[in-house]
Amino acid sequence: MTKYAHKSKFDNKKNKAKASWLTFFYVGNTDDVFSENIRRVFIINLFASVGVLFTLPLGIVSLIEGKAVLGSALILIAFLYAMNHIYLRHTHNHALSGNFVIYPLYALMIYLVYTGGVKGTGHVWIYCIPAVSLFLNGMKRGMIELGFFTLALIITMYFTNSHFAEFGYDPALKTRILFSFIVVVFLSGIYEYSMSRFNQELKETSAKLKLVAYTDALTELLNRRGMLQRLEASSYTSFHLLLADVDFFKSINDEYGHDAGDYALTQLGKIIQTSLSEGDLAARWGGEEFLIAVCDCAEPEAFALAESIRRRVEEYEFAYLDHKFRMTMSFGVATMNETTSLREAITLADNRLYSAKRAGRNRTRRS
């Protein structure tokens, strides 16, 4: 076996190991698209897994040192986080799962501040709270809960018999802990706000780009890519395709100019769109061609729709600046079903459209 074959086998094993870890943290979700929901599932599961890795060993150490209450509390949190992973794997309910992460964490942090945790170091863990709270709850709810947590922190440190005197800490330590925690909350808030604004702008930009990618800018109908995507993703197993082409469109551009031609296409888009029922689709298929897809109707009804649009266009007077003109369209109708694929139906409609053209234009052919 060559060294390249050995390297290939090693790479395959490494990729499989990476995939298994990703599957663990994605709790079984193998979607390629990293959506907001998948991102939250991933990070919440990561929080829960890290929580188990930290609280379980510390709980065992506390039990060994004879701190039964602290050890039991840490092991209980580890158990809750482990159960949370199982729940998240089966439901992907990141909203409820996030509550199982943050609220036990609030309680654990207050408990550690009150008791001192392991060797009086319990208070050092509270700085993880702001980032987790703001991520899970968002800016508004997260800041409100952090306000209540800070109040609980003040009460625990200043108005209860906490561990600070027991371990001989400087009296100023409480104030330093409180102020540094507030600074971390403030910085985490700034970061979360900037990230939420960035994510919102990213979503809006993505939506605009998707709209541009699937929509014809001139007519505001779907473009070819958008129509194919919608048809291929449709749950319908049968629909009728109406392929239309403007008769002698070149003469409009030649006589009145391309701006007049663009205006005419825009008006045609409006005529077609207002002729359709809810659920029907229309696209500018290319140039002066339009493709219409209709569902939940019989073939004679699809033919009647094509004829209705054809007559509306024939009777419409286009007026652009000082120019007034009329146009006609020819249609080819075909049906996609269990025996005729989408591509085959488009080809049939195209052939029938050119049959209508050869027969004299301004007419509809379905056979």
Protein backbone atom coordinates (compact mmCIF):
# COMPACT_ATOMS: atom_id res chain seq x y z
CA MET A 1 0.00 0.00 0.00
CA THR A 2 1.45 3.41 -0.95
CA LYS A 3 1.98 6.29 1.45
CA TYR A 4 -0.83 8.15 -0.33
CA ALA A 5 -3.26 5.32 0.40
CA HIS A 6 -2.17 5.35 4.08
CA LYS A 7 -2.72 9.12 4.17
CA SER A 8 -6.16 8.72 2.56
CA LYS A 9 -7.21 6.15 5.17
CA PHE A 10 -5.92 8.39 7.96
CA ASP A 11 -7.82 11.39 6.53
CA ASN A 12 -11.00 9.30 6.29
CA LYS A 13 -10.70 8.23 9.92
CA LYS A 14 -10.03 11.81 10.97
CA ASN A 15 -13.07 13.05 9.03
CA LYS A 16 -15.27 10.34 10.55
CA ALA A 17 -14.08 11.26 14.06
CA LYS A 18 -14.76 14.94 13.34
CA ALA A 19 -18.23 14.07 11.98
CA SER A 20 -19.06 12.02 15.10
CA TRP A 21 -18.11 14.91 17.38
CA LEU A 22 -20.11 17.36 15.29
CA THR A 23 -23.08 14.99 15.35
CA PHE A 24 -22.78 14.87 19.13
CA PHE A 25 -22.83 18.64 19.52
CA TYR A 26 -25.49 19.08 16.84
CA VAL A 27 -27.51 16.43 18.75
CA GLY A 28 -28.06 14.38 15.62
CA ASN A 29 -28.89 17.26 13.27
CA THR A 30 -27.00 16.73 10.02
CA ASP A 31 -28.44 19.63 7.99
CA ASP A 32 -25.87 21.41 5.85
CA VAL A 33 -27.48 24.82 6.41
CA PHE A 34 -26.34 26.46 9.66
CA SER A 35 -29.63 28.15 10.50
CA GLU A 36 -30.35 30.20 13.64
CA ASN A 37 -32.22 27.28 15.24
CA ILE A 38 -29.37 24.86 14.54
CA ARG A 39 -26.87 27.40 15.89
CA ARG A 40 -28.83 27.68 19.15
CA VAL A 41 -29.18 23.92 19.49
CA PHE A 42 -25.43 23.57 18.91
CA ILE A 43 -24.37 26.21 21.46
CA ILE A 44 -26.90 25.21 24.14
CA ASN A 45 -25.71 21.61 23.86
CA LEU A 46 -22.14 22.88 24.07
CA PHE A 47 -23.01 24.83 27.24
CA ALA A 48 -24.61 21.73 28.76
CA SER A 49 -21.67 19.50 27.81
CA VAL A 50 -19.12 21.94 29.24
CA GLY A 51 -21.29 22.20 32.37
CA VAL A 52 -21.11 18.43 32.86
CA LEU A 53 -17.33 18.39 32.29
CA PHE A 54 -16.78 21.04 34.98
CA THR A 55 -19.42 20.31 37.61
CA LEU A 56 -19.10 16.51 37.72
CA PRO A 57 -15.34 16.39 38.60
CA LEU A 58 -15.73 19.27 41.08
CA GLY A 59 -18.68 17.49 42.65
CA ILE A 60 -16.68 14.27 43.05
CA VAL A 61 -13.74 16.19 44.56
CA SER A 62 -16.10 17.91 47.02
CA LEU A 63 -17.57 14.58 48.12
CA ILE A 64 -14.04 13.18 48.63
CA GLU A 65 -13.19 16.22 50.77
CA GLY A 66 -16.26 15.61 52.91
CA LYS A 67 -18.39 18.49 51.56
CA ALA A 68 -21.52 16.42 51.02
CA VAL A 69 -23.94 19.29 50.31
CA LEU A 70 -21.69 21.06 47.83
CA GLY A 71 -20.70 17.80 46.13
CA SER A 72 -24.31 16.68 45.87
CA ALA A 73 -25.35 20.07 44.41
CA LEU A 74 -22.61 19.94 41.75
CA ILE A 75 -23.40 16.35 40.79
CA LEU A 76 -27.11 17.22 40.61
CA ILE A 77 -26.32 20.05 38.19
CA ALA A 78 -24.16 17.69 36.13
CA PHE A 79 -27.04 15.20 36.03
CA LEU A 80 -29.51 17.91 34.94
CA TYR A 81 -27.18 19.03 32.16
CA ALA A 82 -26.69 15.44 30.98
CA MET A 83 -30.47 14.93 30.91
CA ASN A 84 -30.77 18.24 29.06
CA HIS A 85 -28.51 16.89 26.32
CA ILE A 86 -30.78 13.83 25.95
CA TYR A 87 -33.89 16.04 25.91
CA LEU A 88 -32.35 18.34 23.31
CA ARG A 89 -31.34 15.37 21.14
CA HIS A 90 -34.91 14.06 21.07
CA THR A 91 -36.82 17.35 20.76
CA HIS A 92 -34.44 20.08 19.46
CA ASN A 93 -36.52 22.41 21.66
CA HIS A 94 -33.76 24.95 22.28
CA ALA A 95 -36.07 27.45 24.02
CA LEU A 96 -37.02 25.12 26.90
CA SER A 97 -33.61 23.48 26.90
CA GLY A 98 -31.98 26.88 27.37
CA ASN A 99 -33.99 27.37 30.57
CA PHE A 100 -32.62 24.07 31.89
CA VAL A 101 -29.14 25.51 31.34
CA ILE A 102 -29.45 29.02 32.72
CA TYR A 103 -31.72 28.72 35.78
CA PRO A 104 -29.78 25.90 37.49
CA LEU A 105 -26.66 27.94 36.68
CA TYR A 106 -28.10 31.02 38.45
CA ALA A 107 -28.92 28.93 41.52
CA LEU A 108 -25.52 27.21 41.51
CA MET A 109 -23.61 30.49 41.30
CA ILE A 110 -25.50 32.03 44.22
CA TYR A 111 -24.93 28.85 46.21
CA LEU A 112 -21.19 28.91 45.44
CA VAL A 113 -20.91 32.57 46.46
CA TYR A 114 -22.76 31.83 49.71
CA THR A 115 -20.79 28.71 50.65
CA GLY A 116 -17.45 29.59 49.08
CA GLY A 117 -17.39 26.48 46.95
CA VAL A 118 -14.10 24.58 46.90
CA LYS A 119 -11.58 26.32 49.20
CA GLY A 120 -13.41 29.64 49.05
CA THR A 121 -13.15 30.04 45.27
CA GLY A 122 -16.86 29.79 44.46
CA HIS A 123 -17.21 33.46 43.51
CA VAL A 124 -14.73 33.19 40.61
CA TRP A 125 -17.30 31.26 38.56
CA ILE A 126 -19.95 33.99 38.43
CA TYR A 127 -18.31 35.74 35.45
CA CYS A 128 -19.59 33.08 33.07
CA ILE A 129 -23.19 34.13 33.86
CA PRO A 130 -23.52 37.31 31.68
CA ALA A 131 -22.45 35.71 28.39
CA VAL A 132 -24.63 32.62 28.89
CA SER A 133 -27.66 34.62 30.05
CA LEU A 134 -27.53 37.14 27.20
CA PHE A 135 -27.06 34.45 24.57
CA LEU A 136 -29.91 32.28 25.82
CA ASN A 137 -32.38 35.03 26.70
CA GLY A 138 -31.52 37.83 24.31
CA MET A 139 -30.65 41.42 25.17
CA LYS A 140 -33.83 42.59 26.91
CA ARG A 141 -34.74 39.54 28.97
CA GLY A 142 -31.08 38.74 29.61
CA MET A 143 -30.36 42.19 31.10
CA ILE A 144 -33.48 42.01 33.28
CA GLU A 145 -32.47 38.61 34.65
CA LEU A 146 -28.90 39.81 35.16
CA GLY A 147 -30.30 42.72 37.15
CA PHE A 148 -32.15 40.29 39.44
CA PHE A 149 -29.06 38.08 39.67
CA THR A 150 -26.92 41.09 40.66
CA LEU A 151 -29.46 41.96 43.35
CA ALA A 152 -29.32 38.36 44.64
CA LEU A 153 -25.53 38.61 44.58
CA ILE A 154 -25.59 41.79 46.69
CA ILE A 155 -27.98 40.25 49.21
CA THR A 156 -25.86 37.08 49.44
CA MET A 157 -22.57 38.89 49.92
CA TYR A 158 -23.67 41.75 52.20
CA PHE A 159 -26.74 40.55 54.08
CA THR A 160 -26.12 36.86 54.76
CA ASN A 161 -23.56 34.91 56.75
CA SER A 162 -21.49 34.09 53.68
CA HIS A 163 -18.02 32.56 53.52
CA PHE A 164 -15.97 35.74 53.10
CA ALA A 165 -15.19 36.25 56.77
CA GLU A 166 -14.50 32.52 57.21
CA PHE A 167 -11.68 32.53 54.68
CA GLY A 168 -10.17 35.79 55.88
CA TYR A 169 -10.67 37.78 52.70
CA ASP A 170 -10.07 41.52 52.63
CA PRO A 171 -13.36 43.39 53.28
CA ALA A 172 -12.91 45.24 49.96
CA LEU A 173 -13.12 41.97 48.02
CA LYS A 174 -16.93 41.97 48.01
CA THR A 175 -17.04 45.39 46.39
CA ARG A 176 -14.37 44.41 43.88
CA ILE A 177 -16.32 41.27 42.95
CA LEU A 178 -19.54 43.24 42.55
CA PHE A 179 -18.03 46.04 40.45
CA SER A 180 -16.02 43.66 38.25
CA PHE A 181 -19.16 41.57 37.69
CA ILE A 182 -21.11 44.67 36.66
CA VAL A 183 -18.29 45.59 34.24
CA VAL A 184 -18.49 42.10 32.70
CA VAL A 185 -22.29 42.47 32.40
CA PHE A 186 -21.81 45.85 30.71
CA LEU A 187 -19.20 44.53 28.25
CA SER A 188 -21.26 41.41 27.54
CA GLY A 189 -24.29 43.62 26.91
CA ILE A 190 -22.35 45.75 24.41
CA TYR A 191 -21.12 42.63 22.64
CA GLU A 192 -24.57 41.01 22.55
CA TYR A 193 -26.15 44.25 21.26
CA SER A 194 -23.58 44.61 18.48
CA MET A 195 -23.92 40.94 17.55
CA SER A 196 -27.73 41.10 17.52
CA ARG A 197 -27.61 44.19 15.27
CA PHE A 198 -25.08 42.50 13.01
CA ASN A 199 -27.17 39.30 12.83
CA GLN A 200 -30.32 41.32 12.07
CA GLU A 201 -28.57 43.21 9.27
CA LEU A 202 -27.15 39.93 7.99
CA LYS A 203 -30.65 38.39 7.90
CA GLU A 204 -32.04 41.42 6.06
CA THR A 205 -29.18 41.37 3.57
CA SER A 206 -29.62 37.63 3.07
CA ALA A 207 -33.35 38.11 2.46
CA LYS A 208 -32.65 40.86 -0.08
CA LEU A 209 -30.05 38.74 -1.87
CA LYS A 210 -32.46 35.80 -1.93
CA LEU A 211 -35.14 38.07 -3.35
CA VAL A 212 -32.76 39.30 -6.04
CA ALA A 213 -31.64 35.75 -6.80
CA TYR A 214 -35.18 34.46 -7.34
CA THR A 215 -37.06 37.53 -8.58
CA ASP A 216 -37.03 39.37 -11.89
CA ALA A 217 -36.15 42.99 -11.13
CA LEU A 218 -38.19 44.44 -14.01
CA THR A 219 -41.55 42.68 -13.61
CA GLU A 220 -41.20 41.65 -9.93
CA LEU A 221 -42.33 38.16 -10.93
CA LEU A 222 -40.18 35.10 -10.23
CA ASN A 223 -37.23 34.62 -12.54
CA ARG A 224 -36.33 31.29 -14.17
CA ARG A 225 -34.29 30.12 -11.17
CA GLY A 226 -37.01 31.14 -8.73
CA MET A 227 -39.74 29.38 -10.71
CA LEU A 228 -37.78 26.14 -11.05
CA GLN A 229 -36.93 26.21 -7.35
CA ARG A 230 -40.58 26.70 -6.37
CA LEU A 231 -41.85 24.04 -8.77
CA GLU A 232 -39.23 21.47 -7.75
CA ALA A 233 -39.98 22.08 -4.08
CA SER A 234 -43.76 21.98 -4.56
CA SER A 235 -45.80 19.33 -2.76
CA TYR A 236 -48.13 19.09 -5.77
CA THR A 237 -47.62 16.05 -8.00
CA SER A 238 -49.54 17.64 -10.86
CA PHE A 239 -49.82 21.18 -12.21
CA HIS A 240 -50.38 22.90 -15.54
CA LEU A 241 -47.75 25.04 -17.24
CA LEU A 242 -48.69 28.02 -19.43
CA LEU A 243 -45.73 29.23 -21.47
CA ALA A 244 -46.39 32.60 -23.14
CA ASP A 245 -44.42 34.74 -25.56
CA VAL A 246 -45.11 38.29 -26.80
CA ASP A 247 -45.80 38.40 -30.53
CA PHE A 248 -43.45 40.64 -32.56
CA PHE A 249 -41.91 42.13 -29.42
CA LYS A 250 -38.80 43.22 -31.35
CA SER A 251 -40.93 45.63 -33.34
CA ILE A 252 -41.98 47.39 -30.10
CA ASN A 253 -38.35 47.94 -29.16
CA ASP A 254 -37.42 49.02 -32.66
CA GLU A 255 -40.31 51.47 -33.09
CA TYR A 256 -40.69 52.94 -29.60
CA GLY A 257 -37.35 52.18 -27.90
CA HIS A 258 -36.19 49.73 -25.25
CA ASP A 259 -37.62 51.83 -22.40
CA ALA A 260 -41.05 51.38 -23.93
CA GLY A 261 -40.35 47.66 -24.23
CA ASP A 262 -39.42 47.49 -20.53
CA TYR A 263 -42.60 49.37 -19.66
CA ALA A 264 -44.64 46.90 -21.73
CA LEU A 265 -43.05 43.92 -19.95
CA THR A 266 -43.79 45.51 -16.58
CA GLN A 267 -47.44 45.97 -17.51
CA LEU A 268 -47.65 42.43 -18.82
CA GLY A 269 -46.31 41.20 -15.48
CA LYS A 270 -49.10 43.07 -13.69
CA ILE A 271 -51.78 41.72 -16.03
CA ILE A 272 -50.55 38.16 -15.51
CA GLN A 273 -50.18 38.48 -11.73
CA THR A 274 -53.68 39.95 -11.27
CA SER A 275 -55.16 37.13 -13.36
CA LEU A 276 -53.90 34.37 -11.06
CA SER A 277 -55.43 32.72 -8.02
CA GLU A 278 -53.67 32.27 -4.69
CA GLY A 279 -51.13 29.49 -5.00
CA ASP A 280 -50.52 30.01 -8.72
CA LEU A 281 -47.02 31.03 -9.81
CA ALA A 282 -45.79 33.36 -12.55
CA ALA A 283 -42.28 34.01 -13.79
CA ARG A 284 -40.52 36.00 -16.44
CA TRP A 285 -38.99 32.99 -18.14
CA GLY A 286 -36.58 35.04 -20.22
CA GLY A 287 -36.73 38.03 -22.55
CA GLU A 288 -40.40 38.43 -23.50
CA GLU A 289 -41.39 34.92 -22.37
CA PHE A 290 -43.50 34.22 -19.28
CA LEU A 291 -44.20 30.91 -17.53
CA ILE A 292 -47.32 30.40 -15.40
CA ALA A 293 -47.94 27.36 -13.17
CA VAL A 294 -51.47 26.64 -11.91
CA CYS A 295 -52.57 23.95 -9.47
CA ASP A 296 -55.88 22.58 -8.18
CA CYS A 297 -57.65 22.81 -11.52
CA ALA A 298 -58.40 20.66 -14.53
CA GLU A 299 -56.69 21.11 -17.90
CA PRO A 300 -59.70 22.90 -19.48
CA GLU A 301 -59.56 25.47 -16.66
CA ALA A 302 -55.84 26.02 -17.27
CA PHE A 303 -56.57 26.52 -20.97
CA ALA A 304 -59.37 28.97 -20.08
CA LEU A 305 -56.94 30.93 -17.88
CA ALA A 306 -54.45 31.19 -20.74
CA GLU A 307 -57.21 32.42 -23.04
CA SER A 308 -58.38 34.93 -20.45
CA ILE A 309 -54.88 36.41 -20.08
CA ARG A 310 -54.40 36.39 -23.86
CA ARG A 311 -57.62 38.37 -24.37
CA ARG A 312 -56.76 40.84 -21.58
CA VAL A 313 -53.43 41.55 -23.23
CA GLU A 314 -55.03 41.87 -26.66
CA GLU A 315 -57.56 44.41 -25.36
CA TYR A 316 -55.07 46.41 -23.27
CA GLU A 317 -53.79 49.72 -24.65
CA PHE A 318 -50.19 50.33 -23.64
CA ALA A 319 -49.34 54.01 -23.20
CA TYR A 320 -45.74 55.09 -22.75
CA LEU A 321 -44.99 58.82 -22.94
CA ASP A 322 -46.61 59.93 -26.22
CA HIS A 323 -46.72 56.40 -27.60
CA LYS A 324 -49.79 54.18 -27.57
CA PHE A 325 -49.66 50.64 -28.88
CA ARG A 326 -51.20 47.21 -28.52
CA MET A 327 -49.64 43.78 -28.15
CA THR A 328 -50.67 40.14 -28.36
CA MET A 329 -49.33 36.93 -26.83
CA SER A 330 -49.22 33.29 -27.84
CA PHE A 331 -49.54 30.43 -25.33
CA GLY A 332 -48.54 26.79 -25.08
CA VAL A 333 -50.15 24.66 -22.34
CA ALA A 334 -48.82 21.38 -20.92
CA THR A 335 -49.37 19.30 -17.78
CA MET A 336 -46.79 17.92 -15.38
CA ASN A 337 -47.97 14.72 -13.63
CA GLU A 338 -46.81 11.25 -12.59
CA THR A 339 -45.95 10.32 -16.17
CA THR A 340 -44.61 13.68 -17.40
CA SER A 341 -41.69 15.27 -15.57
CA LEU A 342 -41.27 18.99 -15.04
CA ARG A 343 -38.60 19.26 -17.75
CA GLU A 344 -40.72 17.27 -20.17
CA ALA A 345 -43.78 19.44 -19.46
CA ILE A 346 -41.75 22.62 -20.09
CA THR A 347 -40.53 21.19 -23.40
CA LEU A 348 -44.10 20.26 -24.36
CA ALA A 349 -45.36 23.75 -23.49
CA ASP A 350 -42.52 25.27 -25.52
CA ASN A 351 -43.35 23.11 -28.55
CA ARG A 352 -47.03 24.03 -28.30
CA LEU A 353 -46.16 27.72 -27.95
CA TYR A 354 -44.25 27.63 -31.24
CA SER A 355 -47.11 25.67 -32.79
CA ALA A 356 -49.33 28.64 -31.85
CA LYS A 357 -46.76 30.99 -33.40
CA ARG A 358 -46.68 29.02 -36.65
CA ALA A 359 -50.52 28.93 -36.73
CA GLY A 360 -50.69 32.73 -36.85
CA ARG A 361 -49.91 33.94 -33.28
CA ASN A 362 -52.28 35.43 -30.67
CA ARG A 363 -53.67 32.00 -29.80
CA THR A 364 -53.30 29.12 -27.32
CA ARG A 365 -52.30 25.53 -28.08
CA ARG A 366 -52.67 22.60 -25.66
CA SER A 367 -52.02 19.75 -28.03
